[in-house]
Amino acid sequence: MERKRGDLILIAATALAALVWFLGGRLLSGDVNGKYLQVSVDGALYAVYPLAEDRSFDVEGVSGHHLSVSIVSGSADVTDADCPDRLCVYQKRIENTGESIVCLPGRIILEITGPESLENLDYDGISW
């Protein structure tokens, strides 16, 4: 089957648009300035930390469960937990807005948010 010049231009334009979309999304989401790690325990806000600053801290959840969390190079990770299944420790590092790590036994949620999320902290997940 012979390809026409118009077909090749259409294929090249589509490939270029996909590449620009992919790279643009990666570049825009790669900026850690303005991104925060929001920590909630049992539905209540526990703390908010900027992703631009490296730090390690502990979070105490319900029933005495503890998590050790680290923020390094703009991503957050659970490094240790005392809950029985330790599923939160095995989850991947989070760095993009909307990603989260959840510890169900401790009722702890770590979520990456942007600055617009910090303006509405008085709302919960149901009252949106």
Protein backbone atom coordinates (compact mmCIF):
# COMPACT_ATOMS: atom_id res chain seq x y z
CA MET A 1 0.00 0.00 0.00
CA GLU A 2 1.44 3.34 -0.98
CA ARG A 3 1.37 6.13 1.58
CA LYS A 4 0.47 9.56 0.44
CA ARG A 5 2.35 12.64 1.53
CA GLY A 6 -0.67 13.82 3.55
CA ASP A 7 -0.71 10.55 5.53
CA LEU A 8 2.94 10.95 6.48
CA ILE A 9 2.37 14.55 7.56
CA LEU A 10 -0.60 13.46 9.69
CA ILE A 11 1.42 10.66 11.34
CA ALA A 12 4.35 13.00 12.03
CA ALA A 13 2.08 15.72 13.46
CA THR A 14 0.31 13.21 15.73
CA ALA A 15 3.63 11.81 16.98
CA LEU A 16 4.96 15.33 17.61
CA ALA A 17 1.80 16.36 19.49
CA ALA A 18 2.02 13.23 21.68
CA LEU A 19 5.67 13.92 22.45
CA VAL A 20 4.99 17.56 23.37
CA TRP A 21 2.04 16.53 25.57
CA PHE A 22 4.11 13.88 27.37
CA LEU A 23 7.18 16.06 27.92
CA GLY A 24 5.09 19.08 28.91
CA GLY A 25 3.27 17.05 31.53
CA ARG A 26 6.51 15.68 32.94
CA LEU A 27 8.14 19.11 33.09
CA LEU A 28 5.14 20.78 34.72
CA SER A 29 4.66 18.03 37.31
CA GLY A 30 8.37 17.89 38.10
CA ASP A 31 8.40 21.23 39.93
CA VAL A 32 8.18 20.53 43.65
CA ASN A 33 7.70 24.19 44.58
CA GLY A 34 4.08 24.60 45.56
CA LYS A 35 3.56 20.89 46.29
CA TYR A 36 2.91 19.67 49.80
CA LEU A 37 2.57 16.41 51.70
CA GLN A 38 -0.69 16.56 53.62
CA VAL A 39 -0.87 14.10 56.52
CA SER A 40 -4.26 13.14 57.98
CA VAL A 41 -4.98 10.87 60.93
CA ASP A 42 -8.48 9.48 61.41
CA GLY A 43 -9.88 12.10 59.01
CA ALA A 44 -8.31 15.09 60.81
CA LEU A 45 -5.43 17.14 59.44
CA TYR A 46 -2.24 16.18 61.28
CA ALA A 47 0.45 18.18 59.41
CA VAL A 48 1.43 19.73 56.07
CA TYR A 49 5.03 19.64 54.82
CA PRO A 50 6.50 21.23 51.67
CA LEU A 51 8.03 18.70 49.24
CA ALA A 52 10.82 21.18 48.47
CA GLU A 53 12.40 20.54 51.91
CA ASP A 54 13.99 17.17 52.74
CA ARG A 55 12.98 15.86 56.16
CA SER A 56 12.09 12.75 58.14
CA PHE A 57 9.33 12.56 60.73
CA ASP A 58 7.08 10.13 62.60
CA VAL A 59 3.30 10.06 62.55
CA GLU A 60 1.22 8.54 65.36
CA GLY A 61 -2.04 7.03 64.17
CA VAL A 62 -4.96 5.48 66.01
CA SER A 63 -4.46 2.47 68.29
CA GLY A 64 -0.82 3.48 68.80
CA HIS A 65 0.35 2.71 65.25
CA HIS A 66 3.39 4.69 64.09
CA LEU A 67 4.79 5.49 60.64
CA SER A 68 8.23 6.83 59.80
CA VAL A 69 8.03 9.09 56.75
CA SER A 70 10.77 10.71 54.70
CA ILE A 71 10.63 13.48 52.12
CA VAL A 72 13.66 13.37 49.82
CA SER A 73 14.18 15.13 46.48
CA GLY A 74 10.52 16.09 46.13
CA SER A 75 8.95 12.72 46.89
CA ALA A 76 7.54 11.15 50.05
CA ASP A 77 7.91 7.59 51.25
CA VAL A 78 6.96 5.51 54.29
CA THR A 79 10.24 4.02 55.49
CA ASP A 80 8.95 2.04 58.48
CA ALA A 81 5.67 1.12 60.16
CA ASP A 82 4.65 -0.98 63.14
CA CYS A 83 1.32 -2.17 61.72
CA PRO A 84 0.95 -5.91 61.07
CA ASP A 85 0.82 -5.95 57.25
CA ARG A 86 3.22 -3.02 56.53
CA LEU A 87 1.55 -2.46 53.15
CA CYS A 88 2.21 1.28 53.41
CA VAL A 89 5.96 0.59 53.52
CA TYR A 90 5.78 -1.41 50.28
CA GLN A 91 3.91 1.28 48.33
CA LYS A 92 5.96 3.33 45.89
CA ARG A 93 7.23 6.83 46.64
CA ILE A 94 4.69 9.55 45.84
CA GLU A 95 5.52 12.86 44.16
CA ASN A 96 2.63 13.91 41.90
CA THR A 97 -0.46 15.83 42.99
CA GLY A 98 -3.26 13.44 43.92
CA GLU A 99 -1.03 10.45 44.78
CA SER A 100 -1.42 8.98 48.24
CA ILE A 101 -0.16 6.34 50.65
CA VAL A 102 -2.66 4.91 53.13
CA CYS A 103 -2.08 3.01 56.37
CA LEU A 104 -5.43 1.43 57.18
CA PRO A 105 -4.67 0.08 60.69
CA GLY A 106 -3.36 3.48 61.80
CA ARG A 107 -5.96 5.42 59.74
CA ILE A 108 -3.16 7.57 58.33
CA ILE A 109 -3.31 9.14 54.85
CA LEU A 110 -0.34 10.81 53.17
CA GLU A 111 -1.39 12.79 50.09
CA ILE A 112 0.43 15.10 47.69
CA THR A 113 -1.45 18.37 47.23
CA GLY A 114 -0.90 21.65 45.44
CA PRO A 115 -1.26 25.16 46.84
CA GLU A 116 -4.91 25.38 45.76
CA SER A 117 -5.71 22.42 48.05
CA LEU A 118 -4.35 24.25 51.08
CA GLU A 119 -6.92 27.02 50.67
CA ASN A 120 -9.81 24.60 51.27
CA LEU A 121 -8.57 22.55 54.20
CA ASP A 122 -11.84 23.06 56.11
CA TYR A 123 -13.63 20.73 53.66
CA ASP A 124 -13.46 16.98 53.86
CA GLY A 125 -13.82 14.35 51.13
CA ILE A 126 -17.61 14.17 51.47
CA SER A 127 -18.55 17.85 51.58
CA TRP A 128 -17.02 18.84 48.23
